[in-house]
Full PDB file with SEQRES, HELIX, SHEET, SSBOND, CRYST1, ORIGX, SCALE, CONECT and MASTER records, all heavy atoms in Angstrom:
SEQRES   1 A   32  MET PRO GLU LYS LEU LEU GLU PHE ASN LYS LEU GLU MET          
SEQRES   2 A   32  THR ASN LEU LEU GLN ASN GLU LYS ASN HIS LYS PHE PHE          
SEQRES   3 A   32  ILE GLU ARG ILE LYS LYS                                      
HELIX    1 AA1 PRO A    2  LEU A   17  1                                  16    
HELIX    2 AA2 GLU A   20  ASN A   22  5                                   3    
HELIX    3 AA3 HIS A   23  LYS A   31  1                                   9    
CRYST1    1.000    1.000    1.000  90.00  90.00  90.00 P 1           1          
ORIGX1      1.000000  0.000000  0.000000        0.00000                         
ORIGX2      0.000000  1.000000  0.000000        0.00000                         
ORIGX3      0.000000  0.000000  1.000000        0.00000                         
SCALE1      1.000000  0.000000  0.000000        0.00000                         
SCALE2      0.000000  1.000000  0.000000        0.00000                         
SCALE3      0.000000  0.000000  1.000000        0.00000                         
ATOM      1  N   MET A   1     -32.558   4.288  21.508  1.00  0.00           N  
ATOM      2  CA  MET A   1     -31.815   3.025  21.416  1.00  0.00           C  
ATOM      3  C   MET A   1     -30.594   3.257  20.526  1.00  0.00           C  
ATOM      4  O   MET A   1     -30.666   3.064  19.302  1.00  0.00           O  
ATOM      5  CB  MET A   1     -32.712   1.924  20.857  1.00  0.00           C  
ATOM      6  CG  MET A   1     -33.868   1.557  21.772  1.00  0.00           C  
ATOM      7  SD  MET A   1     -34.867   0.187  21.128  1.00  0.00           S  
ATOM      8  CE  MET A   1     -35.757   1.030  19.801  1.00  0.00           C  
ATOM      9  N   PRO A   2     -29.490   3.691  21.122  1.00  0.00           N  
ATOM     10  CA  PRO A   2     -28.300   4.064  20.328  1.00  0.00           C  
ATOM     11  C   PRO A   2     -27.815   2.986  19.378  1.00  0.00           C  
ATOM     12  O   PRO A   2     -27.291   3.294  18.303  1.00  0.00           O  
ATOM     13  CB  PRO A   2     -27.247   4.360  21.415  1.00  0.00           C  
ATOM     14  CG  PRO A   2     -28.040   4.758  22.609  1.00  0.00           C  
ATOM     15  CD  PRO A   2     -29.279   3.912  22.558  1.00  0.00           C  
ATOM     16  N   GLU A   3     -27.988   1.719  19.758  1.00  0.00           N  
ATOM     17  CA  GLU A   3     -27.513   0.647  18.889  1.00  0.00           C  
ATOM     18  C   GLU A   3     -28.262   0.629  17.554  1.00  0.00           C  
ATOM     19  O   GLU A   3     -27.741   0.160  16.536  1.00  0.00           O  
ATOM     20  CB  GLU A   3     -27.640  -0.722  19.581  1.00  0.00           C  
ATOM     21  CG  GLU A   3     -29.056  -1.220  19.809  1.00  0.00           C  
ATOM     22  CD  GLU A   3     -29.752  -0.620  21.034  1.00  0.00           C  
ATOM     23  OE1 GLU A   3     -29.127   0.221  21.705  1.00  0.00           O  
ATOM     24  OE2 GLU A   3     -30.899  -1.006  21.308  1.00  0.00           O  
ATOM     25  N   LYS A   4     -29.506   1.138  17.550  1.00  0.00           N  
ATOM     26  CA  LYS A   4     -30.301   1.166  16.320  1.00  0.00           C  
ATOM     27  C   LYS A   4     -29.786   2.213  15.333  1.00  0.00           C  
ATOM     28  O   LYS A   4     -29.935   2.071  14.122  1.00  0.00           O  
ATOM     29  CB  LYS A   4     -31.776   1.467  16.642  1.00  0.00           C  
ATOM     30  CG  LYS A   4     -32.495   0.364  17.391  1.00  0.00           C  
ATOM     31  CD  LYS A   4     -32.630  -0.860  16.530  1.00  0.00           C  
ATOM     32  CE  LYS A   4     -33.399  -1.969  17.241  1.00  0.00           C  
ATOM     33  NZ  LYS A   4     -33.373  -3.215  16.465  1.00  0.00           N  
ATOM     34  N   LEU A   5     -29.199   3.292  15.874  1.00  0.00           N  
ATOM     35  CA  LEU A   5     -28.759   4.388  15.007  1.00  0.00           C  
ATOM     36  C   LEU A   5     -27.746   3.905  13.979  1.00  0.00           C  
ATOM     37  O   LEU A   5     -27.863   4.213  12.786  1.00  0.00           O  
ATOM     38  CB  LEU A   5     -28.167   5.517  15.860  1.00  0.00           C  
ATOM     39  CG  LEU A   5     -27.621   6.721  15.080  1.00  0.00           C  
ATOM     40  CD1 LEU A   5     -28.719   7.346  14.234  1.00  0.00           C  
ATOM     41  CD2 LEU A   5     -27.029   7.748  16.038  1.00  0.00           C  
ATOM     42  N   LEU A   6     -26.753   3.138  14.416  1.00  0.00           N  
ATOM     43  CA  LEU A   6     -25.732   2.658  13.486  1.00  0.00           C  
ATOM     44  C   LEU A   6     -26.291   1.623  12.517  1.00  0.00           C  
ATOM     45  O   LEU A   6     -25.863   1.545  11.360  1.00  0.00           O  
ATOM     46  CB  LEU A   6     -24.540   2.098  14.257  1.00  0.00           C  
ATOM     47  CG  LEU A   6     -23.768   3.125  15.100  1.00  0.00           C  
ATOM     48  CD1 LEU A   6     -22.593   2.471  15.795  1.00  0.00           C  
ATOM     49  CD2 LEU A   6     -23.296   4.295  14.239  1.00  0.00           C  
ATOM     50  N   GLU A   7     -27.269   0.832  12.988  1.00  0.00           N  
ATOM     51  CA  GLU A   7     -27.930  -0.114  12.082  1.00  0.00           C  
ATOM     52  C   GLU A   7     -28.652   0.641  10.964  1.00  0.00           C  
ATOM     53  O   GLU A   7     -28.556   0.287   9.783  1.00  0.00           O  
ATOM     54  CB  GLU A   7     -28.950  -0.960  12.849  1.00  0.00           C  
ATOM     55  CG  GLU A   7     -28.345  -1.997  13.780  1.00  0.00           C  
ATOM     56  CD  GLU A   7     -29.421  -2.793  14.509  1.00  0.00           C  
ATOM     57  OE1 GLU A   7     -30.560  -2.866  13.981  1.00  0.00           O  
ATOM     58  OE2 GLU A   7     -29.138  -3.340  15.588  1.00  0.00           O  
ATOM     59  N   PHE A   8     -29.386   1.682  11.360  1.00  0.00           N  
ATOM     60  CA  PHE A   8     -30.112   2.493  10.376  1.00  0.00           C  
ATOM     61  C   PHE A   8     -29.139   3.174   9.413  1.00  0.00           C  
ATOM     62  O   PHE A   8     -29.392   3.285   8.218  1.00  0.00           O  
ATOM     63  CB  PHE A   8     -30.968   3.551  11.076  1.00  0.00           C  
ATOM     64  CG  PHE A   8     -32.168   3.005  11.801  1.00  0.00           C  
ATOM     65  CD1 PHE A   8     -32.597   3.572  12.996  1.00  0.00           C  
ATOM     66  CD2 PHE A   8     -32.881   1.934  11.294  1.00  0.00           C  
ATOM     67  CE1 PHE A   8     -33.700   3.071  13.673  1.00  0.00           C  
ATOM     68  CE2 PHE A   8     -33.997   1.431  11.960  1.00  0.00           C  
ATOM     69  CZ  PHE A   8     -34.400   2.007  13.151  1.00  0.00           C  
ATOM     70  N   ASN A   9     -28.023   3.633   9.945  1.00  0.00           N  
ATOM     71  CA  ASN A   9     -27.056   4.341   9.104  1.00  0.00           C  
ATOM     72  C   ASN A   9     -26.440   3.415   8.064  1.00  0.00           C  
ATOM     73  O   ASN A   9     -26.248   3.792   6.905  1.00  0.00           O  
ATOM     74  CB  ASN A   9     -25.959   4.959   9.976  1.00  0.00           C  
ATOM     75  CG  ASN A   9     -25.369   6.196   9.348  1.00  0.00           C  
ATOM     76  OD1 ASN A   9     -26.077   7.150   9.043  1.00  0.00           O  
ATOM     77  ND2 ASN A   9     -24.064   6.196   9.118  1.00  0.00           N  
ATOM     78  N   LYS A  10     -26.159   2.193   8.479  1.00  0.00           N  
ATOM     79  CA  LYS A  10     -25.595   1.207   7.546  1.00  0.00           C  
ATOM     80  C   LYS A  10     -26.606   0.881   6.439  1.00  0.00           C  
ATOM     81  O   LYS A  10     -26.253   0.771   5.266  1.00  0.00           O  
ATOM     82  CB  LYS A  10     -25.205  -0.058   8.309  1.00  0.00           C  
ATOM     83  CG  LYS A  10     -24.455  -1.071   7.469  1.00  0.00           C  
ATOM     84  CD  LYS A  10     -24.087  -2.322   8.262  1.00  0.00           C  
ATOM     85  CE  LYS A  10     -22.972  -2.060   9.250  1.00  0.00           C  
ATOM     86  NZ  LYS A  10     -22.464  -3.311   9.868  1.00  0.00           N  
ATOM     87  N   LEU A  11     -27.885   0.748   6.831  1.00  0.00           N  
ATOM     88  CA  LEU A  11     -28.944   0.491   5.848  1.00  0.00           C  
ATOM     89  C   LEU A  11     -29.053   1.628   4.843  1.00  0.00           C  
ATOM     90  O   LEU A  11     -29.165   1.402   3.635  1.00  0.00           O  
ATOM     91  CB  LEU A  11     -30.291   0.324   6.568  1.00  0.00           C  
ATOM     92  CG  LEU A  11     -30.599  -1.030   7.197  1.00  0.00           C  
ATOM     93  CD1 LEU A  11     -31.851  -0.928   8.056  1.00  0.00           C  
ATOM     94  CD2 LEU A  11     -30.790  -2.095   6.117  1.00  0.00           C  
ATOM     95  N   GLU A  12     -29.015   2.845   5.344  1.00  0.00           N  
ATOM     96  CA  GLU A  12     -29.155   4.002   4.460  1.00  0.00           C  
ATOM     97  C   GLU A  12     -27.958   4.112   3.519  1.00  0.00           C  
ATOM     98  O   GLU A  12     -28.115   4.447   2.337  1.00  0.00           O  
ATOM     99  CB  GLU A  12     -29.307   5.277   5.299  1.00  0.00           C  
ATOM    100  CG  GLU A  12     -29.374   6.571   4.506  1.00  0.00           C  
ATOM    101  CD  GLU A  12     -30.589   6.704   3.595  1.00  0.00           C  
ATOM    102  OE1 GLU A  12     -31.332   5.707   3.406  1.00  0.00           O  
ATOM    103  OE2 GLU A  12     -30.800   7.801   3.049  1.00  0.00           O  
ATOM    104  N   MET A  13     -26.764   3.833   4.028  1.00  0.00           N  
ATOM    105  CA  MET A  13     -25.571   3.878   3.179  1.00  0.00           C  
ATOM    106  C   MET A  13     -25.689   2.869   2.035  1.00  0.00           C  
ATOM    107  O   MET A  13     -25.396   3.188   0.873  1.00  0.00           O  
ATOM    108  CB  MET A  13     -24.333   3.590   4.032  1.00  0.00           C  
ATOM    109  CG  MET A  13     -23.028   3.643   3.271  1.00  0.00           C  
ATOM    110  SD  MET A  13     -21.585   3.810   4.356  1.00  0.00           S  
ATOM    111  CE  MET A  13     -21.936   2.601   5.619  1.00  0.00           C  
ATOM    112  N   THR A  14     -26.152   1.669   2.365  1.00  0.00           N  
ATOM    113  CA  THR A  14     -26.331   0.629   1.342  1.00  0.00           C  
ATOM    114  C   THR A  14     -27.370   1.053   0.312  1.00  0.00           C  
ATOM    115  O   THR A  14     -27.179   0.892  -0.899  1.00  0.00           O  
ATOM    116  CB  THR A  14     -26.757  -0.701   1.997  1.00  0.00           C  
ATOM    117  OG1 THR A  14     -25.748  -1.108   2.933  1.00  0.00           O  
ATOM    118  CG2 THR A  14     -26.935  -1.798   0.960  1.00  0.00           C  
ATOM    119  N   ASN A  15     -28.486   1.617   0.797  1.00  0.00           N  
ATOM    120  CA  ASN A  15     -29.551   2.068  -0.110  1.00  0.00           C  
ATOM    121  C   ASN A  15     -29.056   3.165  -1.053  1.00  0.00           C  
ATOM    122  O   ASN A  15     -29.342   3.152  -2.256  1.00  0.00           O  
ATOM    123  CB  ASN A  15     -30.748   2.586   0.694  1.00  0.00           C  
ATOM    124  CG  ASN A  15     -31.471   1.484   1.446  1.00  0.00           C  
ATOM    125  OD1 ASN A  15     -31.326   0.309   1.131  1.00  0.00           O  
ATOM    126  ND2 ASN A  15     -32.242   1.858   2.454  1.00  0.00           N  
ATOM    127  N   LEU A  16     -28.315   4.112  -0.507  1.00  0.00           N  
ATOM    128  CA  LEU A  16     -27.831   5.233  -1.315  1.00  0.00           C  
ATOM    129  C   LEU A  16     -26.811   4.775  -2.356  1.00  0.00           C  
ATOM    130  O   LEU A  16     -26.784   5.281  -3.484  1.00  0.00           O  
ATOM    131  CB  LEU A  16     -27.210   6.306  -0.414  1.00  0.00           C  
ATOM    132  CG  LEU A  16     -28.179   7.097   0.468  1.00  0.00           C  
ATOM    133  CD1 LEU A  16     -27.417   7.967   1.454  1.00  0.00           C  
ATOM    134  CD2 LEU A  16     -29.120   7.955  -0.379  1.00  0.00           C  
ATOM    135  N   LEU A  17     -25.986   3.799  -1.990  1.00  0.00           N  
ATOM    136  CA  LEU A  17     -24.949   3.316  -2.906  1.00  0.00           C  
ATOM    137  C   LEU A  17     -25.531   2.590  -4.122  1.00  0.00           C  
ATOM    138  O   LEU A  17     -24.897   2.519  -5.177  1.00  0.00           O  
ATOM    139  CB  LEU A  17     -23.997   2.376  -2.169  1.00  0.00           C  
ATOM    140  CG  LEU A  17     -22.717   2.990  -1.618  1.00  0.00           C  
ATOM    141  CD1 LEU A  17     -21.939   1.979  -0.792  1.00  0.00           C  
ATOM    142  CD2 LEU A  17     -21.846   3.547  -2.745  1.00  0.00           C  
ATOM    143  N   GLN A  18     -26.731   2.061  -3.984  1.00  0.00           N  
ATOM    144  CA  GLN A  18     -27.351   1.329  -5.085  1.00  0.00           C  
ATOM    145  C   GLN A  18     -27.726   2.243  -6.248  1.00  0.00           C  
ATOM    146  O   GLN A  18     -27.912   1.790  -7.370  1.00  0.00           O  
ATOM    147  CB  GLN A  18     -28.595   0.595  -4.580  1.00  0.00           C  
ATOM    148  CG  GLN A  18     -28.267  -0.592  -3.671  1.00  0.00           C  
ATOM    149  CD  GLN A  18     -29.509  -1.205  -3.056  1.00  0.00           C  
ATOM    150  OE1 GLN A  18     -30.628  -0.732  -3.265  1.00  0.00           O  
ATOM    151  NE2 GLN A  18     -29.327  -2.272  -2.282  1.00  0.00           N  
ATOM    152  N   ASN A  19     -27.831   3.528  -5.973  1.00  0.00           N  
ATOM    153  CA  ASN A  19     -28.191   4.499  -7.011  1.00  0.00           C  
ATOM    154  C   ASN A  19     -26.919   5.213  -7.488  1.00  0.00           C  
ATOM    155  O   ASN A  19     -26.261   5.918  -6.724  1.00  0.00           O  
ATOM    156  CB  ASN A  19     -29.187   5.515  -6.433  1.00  0.00           C  
ATOM    157  CG  ASN A  19     -29.749   6.431  -7.503  1.00  0.00           C  
ATOM    158  OD1 ASN A  19     -29.163   6.613  -8.568  1.00  0.00           O  
ATOM    159  ND2 ASN A  19     -30.899   7.030  -7.214  1.00  0.00           N  
ATOM    160  N   GLU A  20     -26.574   5.029  -8.746  1.00  0.00           N  
ATOM    161  CA  GLU A  20     -25.349   5.611  -9.285  1.00  0.00           C  
ATOM    162  C   GLU A  20     -25.334   7.130  -9.211  1.00  0.00           C  
ATOM    163  O   GLU A  20     -24.268   7.745  -9.191  1.00  0.00           O  
ATOM    164  CB  GLU A  20     -25.154   5.170 -10.742  1.00  0.00           C  
ATOM    165  CG  GLU A  20     -24.765   3.712 -10.881  1.00  0.00           C  
ATOM    166  CD  GLU A  20     -24.407   3.348 -12.307  1.00  0.00           C  
ATOM    167  OE1 GLU A  20     -24.326   4.266 -13.146  1.00  0.00           O  
ATOM    168  OE2 GLU A  20     -24.224   2.146 -12.581  1.00  0.00           O  
ATOM    169  N   LYS A  21     -26.520   7.733  -9.159  1.00  0.00           N  
ATOM    170  CA  LYS A  21     -26.583   9.192  -9.063  1.00  0.00           C  
ATOM    171  C   LYS A  21     -25.957   9.713  -7.766  1.00  0.00           C  
ATOM    172  O   LYS A  21     -25.589  10.880  -7.672  1.00  0.00           O  
ATOM    173  CB  LYS A  21     -28.041   9.658  -9.153  1.00  0.00           C  
ATOM    174  CG  LYS A  21     -28.679   9.433 -10.515  1.00  0.00           C  
ATOM    175  CD  LYS A  21     -30.133   9.899 -10.524  1.00  0.00           C  
ATOM    176  CE  LYS A  21     -30.776   9.669 -11.886  1.00  0.00           C  
ATOM    177  NZ  LYS A  21     -32.208  10.090 -11.892  1.00  0.00           N  
ATOM    178  N   ASN A  22     -25.878   8.838  -6.760  1.00  0.00           N  
ATOM    179  CA  ASN A  22     -25.306   9.252  -5.472  1.00  0.00           C  
ATOM    180  C   ASN A  22     -23.793   9.060  -5.396  1.00  0.00           C  
ATOM    181  O   ASN A  22     -23.163   9.489  -4.420  1.00  0.00           O  
ATOM    182  CB  ASN A  22     -25.955   8.455  -4.327  1.00  0.00           C  
ATOM    183  CG  ASN A  22     -27.435   8.735  -4.190  1.00  0.00           C  
ATOM    184  OD1 ASN A  22     -27.872   9.878  -4.341  1.00  0.00           O  
ATOM    185  ND2 ASN A  22     -28.221   7.709  -3.918  1.00  0.00           N  
ATOM    186  N   HIS A  23     -23.209   8.418  -6.404  1.00  0.00           N  
ATOM    187  CA  HIS A  23     -21.783   8.090  -6.337  1.00  0.00           C  
ATOM    188  C   HIS A  23     -20.905   9.334  -6.257  1.00  0.00           C  
ATOM    189  O   HIS A  23     -19.896   9.354  -5.543  1.00  0.00           O  
ATOM    190  CB  HIS A  23     -21.386   7.229  -7.536  1.00  0.00           C  
ATOM    191  CG  HIS A  23     -21.922   5.833  -7.444  1.00  0.00           C  
ATOM    192  ND1 HIS A  23     -21.691   4.869  -8.403  1.00  0.00           N  
ATOM    193  CD2 HIS A  23     -22.686   5.220  -6.493  1.00  0.00           C  
ATOM    194  CE1 HIS A  23     -22.295   3.736  -8.055  1.00  0.00           C  
ATOM    195  NE2 HIS A  23     -22.907   3.936  -6.903  1.00  0.00           N  
ATOM    196  N   LYS A  24     -21.277  10.363  -6.995  1.00  0.00           N  
ATOM    197  CA  LYS A  24     -20.481  11.599  -6.975  1.00  0.00           C  
ATOM    198  C   LYS A  24     -20.447  12.187  -5.563  1.00  0.00           C  
ATOM    199  O   LYS A  24     -19.394  12.643  -5.100  1.00  0.00           O  
ATOM    200  CB  LYS A  24     -21.047  12.617  -7.962  1.00  0.00           C  
ATOM    201  CG  LYS A  24     -20.200  13.877  -8.062  1.00  0.00           C  
ATOM    202  CD  LYS A  24     -20.764  14.858  -9.089  1.00  0.00           C  
ATOM    203  CE  LYS A  24     -19.905  16.119  -9.158  1.00  0.00           C  
ATOM    204  NZ  LYS A  24     -20.444  17.107 -10.130  1.00  0.00           N  
ATOM    205  N   PHE A  25     -21.604  12.151  -4.885  1.00  0.00           N  
ATOM    206  CA  PHE A  25     -21.658  12.648  -3.500  1.00  0.00           C  
ATOM    207  C   PHE A  25     -20.697  11.858  -2.620  1.00  0.00           C  
ATOM    208  O   PHE A  25     -19.931  12.444  -1.841  1.00  0.00           O  
ATOM    209  CB  PHE A  25     -23.081  12.522  -2.944  1.00  0.00           C  
ATOM    210  CG  PHE A  25     -23.137  12.477  -1.433  1.00  0.00           C  
ATOM    211  CD1 PHE A  25     -23.007  13.626  -0.683  1.00  0.00           C  
ATOM    212  CD2 PHE A  25     -23.282  11.256  -0.772  1.00  0.00           C  
ATOM    213  CE1 PHE A  25     -23.033  13.579   0.716  1.00  0.00           C  
ATOM    214  CE2 PHE A  25     -23.309  11.195   0.617  1.00  0.00           C  
ATOM    215  CZ  PHE A  25     -23.189  12.362   1.359  1.00  0.00           C  
ATOM    216  N   PHE A  26     -20.743  10.532  -2.731  1.00  0.00           N  
ATOM    217  CA  PHE A  26     -19.872   9.695  -1.900  1.00  0.00           C  
ATOM    218  C   PHE A  26     -18.399   9.979  -2.182  1.00  0.00           C  
ATOM    219  O   PHE A  26     -17.587  10.083  -1.264  1.00  0.00           O  
ATOM    220  CB  PHE A  26     -20.169   8.208  -2.141  1.00  0.00           C  
ATOM    221  CG  PHE A  26     -21.354   7.700  -1.373  1.00  0.00           C  
ATOM    222  CD1 PHE A  26     -22.537   7.359  -2.018  1.00  0.00           C  
ATOM    223  CD2 PHE A  26     -21.296   7.552   0.003  1.00  0.00           C  
ATOM    224  CE1 PHE A  26     -23.630   6.883  -1.314  1.00  0.00           C  
ATOM    225  CE2 PHE A  26     -22.380   7.071   0.723  1.00  0.00           C  
ATOM    226  CZ  PHE A  26     -23.546   6.740   0.068  1.00  0.00           C  
ATOM    227  N   ILE A  27     -18.052  10.097  -3.458  1.00  0.00           N  
ATOM    228  CA  ILE A  27     -16.656  10.334  -3.831  1.00  0.00           C  
ATOM    229  C   ILE A  27     -16.148  11.649  -3.233  1.00  0.00           C  
ATOM    230  O   ILE A  27     -15.076  11.703  -2.626  1.00  0.00           O  
ATOM    231  CB  ILE A  27     -16.508  10.331  -5.367  1.00  0.00           C  
ATOM    232  CG1 ILE A  27     -16.698   8.904  -5.904  1.00  0.00           C  
ATOM    233  CG2 ILE A  27     -15.147  10.895  -5.784  1.00  0.00           C  
ATOM    234  CD1 ILE A  27     -16.848   8.833  -7.415  1.00  0.00           C  
ATOM    235  N   GLU A  28     -16.941  12.708  -3.388  1.00  0.00           N  
ATOM    236  CA  GLU A  28     -16.521  14.006  -2.872  1.00  0.00           C  
ATOM    237  C   GLU A  28     -16.457  14.014  -1.351  1.00  0.00           C  
ATOM    238  O   GLU A  28     -15.545  14.604  -0.752  1.00  0.00           O  
ATOM    239  CB  GLU A  28     -17.478  15.106  -3.365  1.00  0.00           C  
ATOM    240  CG  GLU A  28     -17.437  15.338  -4.864  1.00  0.00           C  
ATOM    241  CD  GLU A  28     -16.027  15.605  -5.381  1.00  0.00           C  
ATOM    242  OE1 GLU A  28     -15.325  16.436  -4.749  1.00  0.00           O  
ATOM    243  OE2 GLU A  28     -15.622  14.985  -6.371  1.00  0.00           O  
ATOM    244  N   ARG A  29     -17.422  13.346  -0.726  1.00  0.00           N  
ATOM    245  CA  ARG A  29     -17.449  13.297   0.738  1.00  0.00           C  
ATOM    246  C   ARG A  29     -16.228  12.547   1.281  1.00  0.00           C  
ATOM    247  O   ARG A  29     -15.592  12.987   2.244  1.00  0.00           O  
ATOM    248  CB  ARG A  29     -18.742  12.612   1.194  1.00  0.00           C  
ATOM    249  CG  ARG A  29     -18.867  12.394   2.696  1.00  0.00           C  
ATOM    250  CD  ARG A  29     -18.961  13.696   3.444  1.00  0.00           C  
ATOM    251  NE  ARG A  29     -19.093  13.474   4.876  1.00  0.00           N  
ATOM    252  CZ  ARG A  29     -18.695  14.316   5.804  1.00  0.00           C  
ATOM    253  NH1 ARG A  29     -18.119  15.459   5.439  1.00  0.00           N  
ATOM    254  NH2 ARG A  29     -18.845  14.052   7.076  1.00  0.00           N  
ATOM    255  N   ILE A  30     -15.894  11.419   0.663  1.00  0.00           N  
ATOM    256  CA  ILE A  30     -14.768  10.611   1.142  1.00  0.00           C  
ATOM    257  C   ILE A  30     -13.437  11.326   0.868  1.00  0.00           C  
ATOM    258  O   ILE A  30     -12.524  11.288   1.691  1.00  0.00           O  
ATOM    259  CB  ILE A  30     -14.803   9.210   0.513  1.00  0.00           C  
ATOM    260  CG1 ILE A  30     -16.011   8.436   1.084  1.00  0.00           C  
ATOM    261  CG2 ILE A  30     -13.518   8.441   0.787  1.00  0.00           C  
ATOM    262  CD1 ILE A  30     -16.300   7.132   0.400  1.00  0.00           C  
ATOM    263  N   LYS A  31     -13.335  11.981  -0.264  1.00  0.00           N  
ATOM    264  CA  LYS A  31     -12.119  12.764  -0.535  1.00  0.00           C  
ATOM    265  C   LYS A  31     -11.885  13.798   0.565  1.00  0.00           C  
ATOM    266  O   LYS A  31     -10.755  13.955   1.060  1.00  0.00           O  
ATOM    267  CB  LYS A  31     -12.235  13.473  -1.894  1.00  0.00           C  
ATOM    268  CG  LYS A  31     -11.931  12.606  -3.087  1.00  0.00           C  
ATOM    269  CD  LYS A  31     -12.016  13.416  -4.377  1.00  0.00           C  
ATOM    270  CE  LYS A  31     -11.730  12.526  -5.588  1.00  0.00           C  
ATOM    271  NZ  LYS A  31     -11.853  13.266  -6.866  1.00  0.00           N  
ATOM    272  N   LYS A  32     -12.951  14.465   0.933  1.00  0.00           N  
ATOM    273  CA  LYS A  32     -12.838  15.486   1.978  1.00  0.00           C  
ATOM    274  C   LYS A  32     -12.414  14.870   3.305  1.00  0.00           C  
ATOM    275  O   LYS A  32     -11.543  15.397   4.010  1.00  0.00           O  
ATOM    276  CB  LYS A  32     -14.182  16.211   2.135  1.00  0.00           C  
ATOM    277  CG  LYS A  32     -14.150  17.351   3.156  1.00  0.00           C  
ATOM    278  CD  LYS A  32     -15.505  18.032   3.260  1.00  0.00           C  
ATOM    279  CE  LYS A  32     -15.459  19.149   4.311  1.00  0.00           C  
ATOM    280  NZ  LYS A  32     -16.782  19.785   4.493  1.00  0.00           N  
TER     281      LYS A  32                                                      
MASTER        0    0    0    3    0    0    0    6  280    1    0    3          
END                                                                             
């Protein structure tokens, strides 16, 4: 169900952002 994949991805992004330990990963990934 391809439509579920993007829903799951959005959920995971939100979950990861709640933890400050993941911020460095996001910053480096977005810079790239």
